[in-house]
Amino acid sequence: CPDCRQYYKQYRRFSQRPSGMGQIPAENTVEQEFCRLAEKMRHRRMLIAIGFLSYVCASWCLLVMLWMRMRKRG
Protein backbone atom coordinates (compact mmCIF):
# COMPACT_ATOMS: atom_id res chain seq x y z
CA CYS A 1 0.00 0.00 0.00
CA PRO A 2 1.15 3.59 -0.48
CA ASP A 3 1.55 4.22 3.27
CA CYS A 4 3.79 1.17 3.65
CA ARG A 5 5.90 2.24 0.68
CA GLN A 6 6.38 5.71 2.15
CA TYR A 7 7.32 4.24 5.54
CA TYR A 8 9.73 1.84 3.85
CA LYS A 9 11.42 4.67 1.93
CA GLN A 10 11.91 6.62 5.16
CA TYR A 11 13.21 3.51 6.90
CA ARG A 12 15.77 2.81 4.15
CA ARG A 13 17.01 6.37 4.21
CA PHE A 14 17.67 6.23 7.96
CA SER A 15 18.82 2.60 8.08
CA GLN A 16 21.62 3.02 5.53
CA ARG A 17 24.75 3.34 7.63
CA PRO A 18 28.34 2.14 7.40
CA SER A 19 28.63 -1.64 7.49
CA GLY A 20 30.91 -1.49 10.56
CA MET A 21 28.03 -0.38 12.77
CA GLY A 22 25.88 -2.98 14.44
CA GLN A 23 22.15 -3.39 14.20
CA ILE A 24 20.14 -0.78 16.04
CA PRO A 25 17.67 -2.62 18.28
CA ALA A 26 14.04 -1.94 17.48
CA GLU A 27 12.11 -0.18 20.22
CA ASN A 28 8.71 -1.74 19.70
CA THR A 29 7.05 -4.64 17.97
CA VAL A 30 5.87 -2.56 14.99
CA GLU A 31 9.45 -1.61 14.20
CA GLN A 32 10.57 -5.21 14.71
CA GLU A 33 7.91 -6.44 12.29
CA PHE A 34 8.91 -3.79 9.78
CA CYS A 35 12.58 -4.80 10.08
CA ARG A 36 11.62 -8.42 9.42
CA LEU A 37 9.53 -7.40 6.42
CA ALA A 38 12.33 -5.23 5.03
CA GLU A 39 14.81 -8.10 5.42
CA LYS A 40 12.44 -10.49 3.63
CA MET A 41 12.04 -7.99 0.79
CA ARG A 42 15.82 -7.61 0.42
CA HIS A 43 16.24 -11.39 0.46
CA ARG A 44 13.50 -11.88 -2.14
CA ARG A 45 15.01 -9.20 -4.40
CA MET A 46 18.40 -10.90 -4.16
CA LEU A 47 16.90 -14.27 -5.10
CA ILE A 48 15.07 -12.74 -8.05
CA ALA A 49 18.28 -11.06 -9.25
CA ILE A 50 20.23 -14.32 -8.95
CA GLY A 51 17.50 -16.22 -10.79
CA PHE A 52 17.41 -13.66 -13.57
CA LEU A 53 21.18 -13.67 -14.00
CA SER A 54 21.19 -17.47 -14.05
CA TYR A 55 18.53 -17.44 -16.76
CA VAL A 56 20.50 -14.94 -18.84
CA CYS A 57 23.73 -16.92 -18.49
CA ALA A 58 22.03 -20.22 -19.37
CA SER A 59 20.36 -18.64 -22.40
CA TRP A 60 23.64 -17.15 -23.56
CA CYS A 61 25.41 -20.51 -23.21
CA LEU A 62 22.63 -22.23 -25.16
CA LEU A 63 22.84 -19.68 -27.96
CA VAL A 64 26.62 -20.05 -28.17
CA MET A 65 26.30 -23.85 -28.31
CA LEU A 66 23.68 -23.63 -31.06
CA TRP A 67 25.81 -21.15 -33.02
CA MET A 68 28.84 -23.43 -32.76
CA ARG A 69 26.78 -26.42 -33.90
CA MET A 70 25.43 -24.53 -36.91
CA ARG A 71 28.90 -23.28 -37.78
CA LYS A 72 30.30 -26.80 -37.54
CA ARG A 73 27.71 -28.11 -40.00
CA GLY A 74 28.91 -25.62 -42.50
PDB file of N, CA and C in Angstrom:
ATOM      1  N   CYS A   1       0.848  -1.192   0.000  1.00  0.00           N
ATOM      2  CA  CYS A   1       0.000   0.000   0.000  1.00  0.00           C
ATOM      3  C   CYS A   1       0.887   1.247   0.000  1.00  0.00           C
ATOM      4  N   PRO A   2       0.345   2.365  -0.397  1.00  0.00           N
ATOM      5  CA  PRO A   2       1.146   3.595  -0.475  1.00  0.00           C
ATOM      6  C   PRO A   2       1.756   4.013   0.871  1.00  0.00           C
ATOM      7  N   ASP A   3       1.013   3.843   1.966  1.00  0.00           N
ATOM      8  CA  ASP A   3       1.548   4.220   3.274  1.00  0.00           C
ATOM      9  C   ASP A   3       2.757   3.360   3.642  1.00  0.00           C
ATOM     10  N   CYS A   4       2.672   2.072   3.354  1.00  0.00           N
ATOM     11  CA  CYS A   4       3.787   1.167   3.653  1.00  0.00           C
ATOM     12  C   CYS A   4       5.009   1.520   2.811  1.00  0.00           C
ATOM     13  N   ARG A   5       4.780   1.859   1.542  1.00  0.00           N
ATOM     14  CA  ARG A   5       5.899   2.236   0.680  1.00  0.00           C
ATOM     15  C   ARG A   5       6.598   3.490   1.207  1.00  0.00           C
ATOM     16  N   GLN A   6       5.812   4.474   1.619  1.00  0.00           N
ATOM     17  CA  GLN A   6       6.383   5.711   2.147  1.00  0.00           C
ATOM     18  C   GLN A   6       7.181   5.425   3.414  1.00  0.00           C
ATOM     19  N   TYR A   7       6.628   4.609   4.313  1.00  0.00           N
ATOM     20  CA  TYR A   7       7.316   4.242   5.540  1.00  0.00           C
ATOM     21  C   TYR A   7       8.600   3.498   5.221  1.00  0.00           C
ATOM     22  N   TYR A   8       8.551   2.602   4.239  1.00  0.00           N
ATOM     23  CA  TYR A   8       9.732   1.839   3.847  1.00  0.00           C
ATOM     24  C   TYR A   8      10.819   2.757   3.286  1.00  0.00           C
ATOM     25  N   LYS A   9      10.447   3.741   2.471  1.00  0.00           N
ATOM     26  CA  LYS A   9      11.423   4.673   1.931  1.00  0.00           C
ATOM     27  C   LYS A   9      12.117   5.446   3.054  1.00  0.00           C
ATOM     28  N   GLN A  10      11.336   5.905   4.017  1.00  0.00           N
ATOM     29  CA  GLN A  10      11.906   6.618   5.156  1.00  0.00           C
ATOM     30  C   GLN A  10      12.827   5.705   5.949  1.00  0.00           C
ATOM     31  N   TYR A  11      12.409   4.467   6.156  1.00  0.00           N
ATOM     32  CA  TYR A  11      13.214   3.510   6.902  1.00  0.00           C
ATOM     33  C   TYR A  11      14.542   3.268   6.202  1.00  0.00           C
ATOM     34  N   ARG A  12      14.529   3.073   4.903  1.00  0.00           N
ATOM     35  CA  ARG A  12      15.765   2.812   4.149  1.00  0.00           C
ATOM     36  C   ARG A  12      16.716   3.991   4.233  1.00  0.00           C
ATOM     37  N   ARG A  13      16.168   5.184   4.168  1.00  0.00           N
ATOM     38  CA  ARG A  13      17.009   6.374   4.214  1.00  0.00           C
ATOM     39  C   ARG A  13      17.750   6.455   5.552  1.00  0.00           C
ATOM     40  N   PHE A  14      17.055   6.148   6.650  1.00  0.00           N
ATOM     41  CA  PHE A  14      17.675   6.228   7.963  1.00  0.00           C
ATOM     42  C   PHE A  14      18.467   4.969   8.320  1.00  0.00           C
ATOM     43  N   SER A  15      18.145   3.844   7.713  1.00  0.00           N
ATOM     44  CA  SER A  15      18.820   2.602   8.078  1.00  0.00           C
ATOM     45  C   SER A  15      20.124   2.400   7.330  1.00  0.00           C
ATOM     46  N   GLN A  16      20.374   3.180   6.280  1.00  0.00           N
ATOM     47  CA  GLN A  16      21.623   3.025   5.527  1.00  0.00           C
ATOM     48  C   GLN A  16      22.733   3.699   6.323  1.00  0.00           C
ATOM     49  N   ARG A  17      23.639   2.862   6.818  1.00  0.00           N
ATOM     50  CA  ARG A  17      24.748   3.337   7.632  1.00  0.00           C
ATOM     51  C   ARG A  17      25.976   2.503   7.297  1.00  0.00           C
ATOM     52  N   PRO A  18      27.148   2.921   7.703  1.00  0.00           N
ATOM     53  CA  PRO A  18      28.344   2.137   7.405  1.00  0.00           C
ATOM     54  C   PRO A  18      28.211   0.708   7.908  1.00  0.00           C
ATOM     55  N   SER A  19      28.782  -0.223   7.159  1.00  0.00           N
ATOM     56  CA  SER A  19      28.626  -1.636   7.491  1.00  0.00           C
ATOM     57  C   SER A  19      29.291  -1.992   8.810  1.00  0.00           C
ATOM     58  N   GLY A  20      30.224  -1.199   9.296  1.00  0.00           N
ATOM     59  CA  GLY A  20      30.906  -1.495  10.556  1.00  0.00           C
ATOM     60  C   GLY A  20      30.004  -1.333  11.768  1.00  0.00           C
ATOM     61  N   MET A  21      28.932  -0.594  11.636  1.00  0.00           N
ATOM     62  CA  MET A  21      28.035  -0.377  12.770  1.00  0.00           C
ATOM     63  C   MET A  21      27.120  -1.569  12.935  1.00  0.00           C
ATOM     64  N   GLY A  22      26.766  -1.862  14.154  1.00  0.00           N
ATOM     65  CA  GLY A  22      25.883  -2.979  14.437  1.00  0.00           C
ATOM     66  C   GLY A  22      24.435  -2.623  14.195  1.00  0.00           C
ATOM     67  N   GLN A  23      23.589  -3.599  14.361  1.00  0.00           N
ATOM     68  CA  GLN A  23      22.153  -3.390  14.204  1.00  0.00           C
ATOM     69  C   GLN A  23      21.641  -2.523  15.346  1.00  0.00           C
ATOM     70  N   ILE A  24      20.784  -1.594  15.009  1.00  0.00           N
ATOM     71  CA  ILE A  24      20.137  -0.779  16.037  1.00  0.00           C
ATOM     72  C   ILE A  24      18.919  -1.549  16.512  1.00  0.00           C
ATOM     73  N   PRO A  25      18.810  -1.837  17.813  1.00  0.00           N
ATOM     74  CA  PRO A  25      17.669  -2.615  18.285  1.00  0.00           C
ATOM     75  C   PRO A  25      16.352  -1.855  18.113  1.00  0.00           C
ATOM     76  N   ALA A  26      15.354  -2.546  17.677  1.00  0.00           N
ATOM     77  CA  ALA A  26      14.037  -1.939  17.480  1.00  0.00           C
ATOM     78  C   ALA A  26      13.400  -1.684  18.840  1.00  0.00           C
ATOM     79  N   GLU A  27      12.670  -0.575  18.934  1.00  0.00           N
ATOM     80  CA  GLU A  27      12.106  -0.182  20.218  1.00  0.00           C
ATOM     81  C   GLU A  27      10.748  -0.801  20.489  1.00  0.00           C
ATOM     82  N   ASN A  28      10.023  -1.150  19.461  1.00  0.00           N
ATOM     83  CA  ASN A  28       8.710  -1.740  19.700  1.00  0.00           C
ATOM     84  C   ASN A  28       8.430  -2.814  18.660  1.00  0.00           C
ATOM     85  N   THR A  29       7.355  -3.507  18.847  1.00  0.00           N
ATOM     86  CA  THR A  29       7.054  -4.645  17.968  1.00  0.00           C
ATOM     87  C   THR A  29       6.738  -4.214  16.541  1.00  0.00           C
ATOM     88  N   VAL A  30       6.171  -3.027  16.347  1.00  0.00           N
ATOM     89  CA  VAL A  30       5.874  -2.561  14.994  1.00  0.00           C
ATOM     90  C   VAL A  30       7.179  -2.387  14.215  1.00  0.00           C
ATOM     91  N   GLU A  31       8.164  -1.792  14.863  1.00  0.00           N
ATOM     92  CA  GLU A  31       9.448  -1.613  14.199  1.00  0.00           C
ATOM     93  C   GLU A  31      10.127  -2.953  13.961  1.00  0.00           C
ATOM     94  N   GLN A  32       9.994  -3.876  14.888  1.00  0.00           N
ATOM     95  CA  GLN A  32      10.571  -5.207  14.708  1.00  0.00           C
ATOM     96  C   GLN A  32       9.931  -5.916  13.522  1.00  0.00           C
ATOM     97  N   GLU A  33       8.610  -5.820  13.418  1.00  0.00           N
ATOM     98  CA  GLU A  33       7.906  -6.436  12.287  1.00  0.00           C
ATOM     99  C   GLU A  33       8.341  -5.789  10.977  1.00  0.00           C
ATOM    100  N   PHE A  34       8.486  -4.475  10.988  1.00  0.00           N
ATOM    101  CA  PHE A  34       8.908  -3.791   9.778  1.00  0.00           C
ATOM    102  C   PHE A  34      10.323  -4.212   9.392  1.00  0.00           C
ATOM    103  N   CYS A  35      11.206  -4.356  10.364  1.00  0.00           N
ATOM    104  CA  CYS A  35      12.577  -4.802  10.080  1.00  0.00           C
ATOM    105  C   CYS A  35      12.569  -6.190   9.469  1.00  0.00           C
ATOM    106  N   ARG A  36      11.728  -7.075   9.993  1.00  0.00           N
ATOM    107  CA  ARG A  36      11.620  -8.415   9.417  1.00  0.00           C
ATOM    108  C   ARG A  36      11.100  -8.360   7.988  1.00  0.00           C
ATOM    109  N   LEU A  37      10.090  -7.545   7.753  1.00  0.00           N
ATOM    110  CA  LEU A  37       9.526  -7.400   6.416  1.00  0.00           C
ATOM    111  C   LEU A  37      10.567  -6.836   5.448  1.00  0.00           C
ATOM    112  N   ALA A  38      11.303  -5.816   5.886  1.00  0.00           N
ATOM    113  CA  ALA A  38      12.331  -5.229   5.031  1.00  0.00           C
ATOM    114  C   ALA A  38      13.407  -6.259   4.701  1.00  0.00           C
ATOM    115  N   GLU A  39      13.808  -7.061   5.667  1.00  0.00           N
ATOM    116  CA  GLU A  39      14.813  -8.095   5.423  1.00  0.00           C
ATOM    117  C   GLU A  39      14.301  -9.144   4.442  1.00  0.00           C
ATOM    118  N   LYS A  40      13.035  -9.535   4.572  1.00  0.00           N
ATOM    119  CA  LYS A  40      12.439 -10.490   3.627  1.00  0.00           C
ATOM    120  C   LYS A  40      12.423  -9.915   2.216  1.00  0.00           C
ATOM    121  N   MET A  41      12.091  -8.627   2.104  1.00  0.00           N
ATOM    122  CA  MET A  41      12.042  -7.988   0.794  1.00  0.00           C
ATOM    123  C   MET A  41      13.427  -7.949   0.160  1.00  0.00           C
ATOM    124  N   ARG A  42      14.458  -7.620   0.952  1.00  0.00           N
ATOM    125  CA  ARG A  42      15.823  -7.608   0.419  1.00  0.00           C
ATOM    126  C   ARG A  42      16.230  -9.005  -0.025  1.00  0.00           C
ATOM    127  N   HIS A  43      15.897 -10.013   0.780  1.00  0.00           N
ATOM    128  CA  HIS A  43      16.236 -11.395   0.456  1.00  0.00           C
ATOM    129  C   HIS A  43      15.537 -11.828  -0.830  1.00  0.00           C
ATOM    130  N   ARG A  44      14.269 -11.511  -0.955  1.00  0.00           N
ATOM    131  CA  ARG A  44      13.499 -11.879  -2.144  1.00  0.00           C
ATOM    132  C   ARG A  44      14.063 -11.196  -3.389  1.00  0.00           C
ATOM    133  N   ARG A  45      14.418  -9.903  -3.268  1.00  0.00           N
ATOM    134  CA  ARG A  45      15.008  -9.200  -4.401  1.00  0.00           C
ATOM    135  C   ARG A  45      16.327  -9.832  -4.826  1.00  0.00           C
ATOM    136  N   MET A  46      17.127 -10.259  -3.849  1.00  0.00           N
ATOM    137  CA  MET A  46      18.401 -10.899  -4.159  1.00  0.00           C
ATOM    138  C   MET A  46      18.167 -12.218  -4.890  1.00  0.00           C
ATOM    139  N   LEU A  47      17.199 -13.007  -4.434  1.00  0.00           N
ATOM    140  CA  LEU A  47      16.895 -14.271  -5.098  1.00  0.00           C
ATOM    141  C   LEU A  47      16.388 -14.053  -6.523  1.00  0.00           C
ATOM    142  N   ILE A  48      15.572 -13.049  -6.714  1.00  0.00           N
ATOM    143  CA  ILE A  48      15.067 -12.740  -8.048  1.00  0.00           C
ATOM    144  C   ILE A  48      16.220 -12.327  -8.964  1.00  0.00           C
ATOM    145  N   ALA A  49      17.130 -11.504  -8.457  1.00  0.00           N
ATOM    146  CA  ALA A  49      18.275 -11.063  -9.255  1.00  0.00           C
ATOM    147  C   ALA A  49      19.160 -12.253  -9.625  1.00  0.00           C
ATOM    148  N   ILE A  50      19.408 -13.142  -8.675  1.00  0.00           N
ATOM    149  CA  ILE A  50      20.231 -14.317  -8.950  1.00  0.00           C
ATOM    150  C   ILE A  50      19.546 -15.211  -9.972  1.00  0.00           C
ATOM    151  N   GLY A  51      18.249 -15.406  -9.835  1.00  0.00           N
ATOM    152  CA  GLY A  51      17.504 -16.216 -10.795  1.00  0.00           C
ATOM    153  C   GLY A  51      17.545 -15.621 -12.191  1.00  0.00           C
ATOM    154  N   PHE A  52      17.385 -14.325 -12.277  1.00  0.00           N
ATOM    155  CA  PHE A  52      17.409 -13.658 -13.574  1.00  0.00           C
ATOM    156  C   PHE A  52      18.782 -13.782 -14.220  1.00  0.00           C
ATOM    157  N   LEU A  53      19.838 -13.548 -13.449  1.00  0.00           N
ATOM    158  CA  LEU A  53      21.184 -13.669 -14.000  1.00  0.00           C
ATOM    159  C   LEU A  53      21.488 -15.102 -14.424  1.00  0.00           C
ATOM    160  N   SER A  54      20.998 -16.068 -13.677  1.00  0.00           N
ATOM    161  CA  SER A  54      21.189 -17.472 -14.052  1.00  0.00           C
ATOM    162  C   SER A  54      20.489 -17.766 -15.370  1.00  0.00           C
ATOM    163  N   TYR A  55      19.290 -17.259 -15.521  1.00  0.00           N
ATOM    164  CA  TYR A  55      18.533 -17.442 -16.758  1.00  0.00           C
ATOM    165  C   TYR A  55      19.278 -16.826 -17.946  1.00  0.00           C
ATOM    166  N   VAL A  56      19.779 -15.614 -17.764  1.00  0.00           N
ATOM    167  CA  VAL A  56      20.499 -14.938 -18.841  1.00  0.00           C
ATOM    168  C   VAL A  56      21.754 -15.716 -19.214  1.00  0.00           C
ATOM    169  N   CYS A  57      22.501 -16.164 -18.211  1.00  0.00           N
ATOM    170  CA  CYS A  57      23.732 -16.925 -18.493  1.00  0.00           C
ATOM    171  C   CYS A  57      23.416 -18.243 -19.193  1.00  0.00           C
ATOM    172  N   ALA A  58      22.397 -18.949 -18.742  1.00  0.00           N
ATOM    173  CA  ALA A  58      22.035 -20.221 -19.371  1.00  0.00           C
ATOM    174  C   ALA A  58      21.577 -19.992 -20.810  1.00  0.00           C
ATOM    175  N   SER A  59      20.817 -18.947 -21.043  1.00  0.00           N
ATOM    176  CA  SER A  59      20.362 -18.645 -22.403  1.00  0.00           C
ATOM    177  C   SER A  59      21.535 -18.301 -23.296  1.00  0.00           C
ATOM    178  N   TRP A  60      22.457 -17.520 -22.793  1.00  0.00           N
ATOM    179  CA  TRP A  60      23.636 -17.153 -23.564  1.00  0.00           C
ATOM    180  C   TRP A  60      24.455 -18.399 -23.927  1.00  0.00           C
ATOM    181  N   CYS A  61      24.656 -19.276 -22.944  1.00  0.00           N
ATOM    182  CA  CYS A  61      25.407 -20.512 -23.215  1.00  0.00           C
ATOM    183  C   CYS A  61      24.702 -21.358 -24.272  1.00  0.00           C
ATOM    184  N   LEU A  62      23.404 -21.466 -24.181  1.00  0.00           N
ATOM    185  CA  LEU A  62      22.635 -22.233 -25.156  1.00  0.00           C
ATOM    186  C   LEU A  62      22.778 -21.639 -26.558  1.00  0.00           C
ATOM    187  N   LEU A  63      22.686 -20.334 -26.658  1.00  0.00           N
ATOM    188  CA  LEU A  63      22.835 -19.683 -27.956  1.00  0.00           C
ATOM    189  C   LEU A  63      24.235 -19.898 -28.528  1.00  0.00           C
ATOM    190  N   VAL A  64      25.251 -19.817 -27.693  1.00  0.00           N
ATOM    191  CA  VAL A  64      26.618 -20.050 -28.169  1.00  0.00           C
ATOM    192  C   VAL A  64      26.760 -21.488 -28.651  1.00  0.00           C
ATOM    193  N   MET A  65      26.219 -22.443 -27.901  1.00  0.00           N
ATOM    194  CA  MET A  65      26.299 -23.847 -28.313  1.00  0.00           C
ATOM    195  C   MET A  65      25.589 -24.075 -29.642  1.00  0.00           C
ATOM    196  N   LEU A  66      24.409 -23.493 -29.797  1.00  0.00           N
ATOM    197  CA  LEU A  66      23.684 -23.627 -31.056  1.00  0.00           C
ATOM    198  C   LEU A  66      24.445 -22.983 -32.208  1.00  0.00           C
ATOM    199  N   TRP A  67      25.026 -21.830 -31.984  1.00  0.00           N
ATOM    200  CA  TRP A  67      25.806 -21.151 -33.020  1.00  0.00           C
ATOM    201  C   TRP A  67      27.005 -21.992 -33.433  1.00  0.00           C
ATOM    202  N   MET A  68      27.688 -22.581 -32.444  1.00  0.00           N
ATOM    203  CA  MET A  68      28.839 -23.426 -32.763  1.00  0.00           C
ATOM    204  C   MET A  68      28.416 -24.669 -33.543  1.00  0.00           C
ATOM    205  N   ARG A  69      27.287 -25.228 -33.199  1.00  0.00           N
ATOM    206  CA  ARG A  69      26.779 -26.423 -33.896  1.00  0.00           C
ATOM    207  C   ARG A  69      26.445 -26.077 -35.355  1.00  0.00           C
ATOM    208  N   MET A  70      25.784 -24.948 -35.549  1.00  0.00           N
ATOM    209  CA  MET A  70      25.429 -24.530 -36.908  1.00  0.00           C
ATOM    210  C   MET A  70      26.682 -24.214 -37.724  1.00  0.00           C
ATOM    211  N   ARG A  71      27.644 -23.626 -37.098  1.00  0.00           N
ATOM    212  CA  ARG A  71      28.897 -23.279 -37.780  1.00  0.00           C
ATOM    213  C   ARG A  71      29.664 -24.534 -38.162  1.00  0.00           C
ATOM    214  N   LYS A  72      29.617 -25.536 -37.282  1.00  0.00           N
ATOM    215  CA  LYS A  72      30.304 -26.801 -37.541  1.00  0.00           C
ATOM    216  C   LYS A  72      29.710 -27.535 -38.738  1.00  0.00           C
ATOM    217  N   ARG A  73      28.397 -27.443 -38.874  1.00  0.00           N
ATOM    218  CA  ARG A  73      27.713 -28.112 -39.997  1.00  0.00           C
ATOM    219  C   ARG A  73      28.101 -27.483 -41.335  1.00  0.00           C
ATOM    220  N   GLY A  74      28.454 -26.232 -41.278  1.00  0.00           N
ATOM    221  CA  GLY A  74      28.915 -25.616 -42.499  1.00  0.00           C
ATOM    222  C   GLY A  74      27.886 -24.836 -43.159  1.00  0.00           C
TER     223      GLY A  74
END
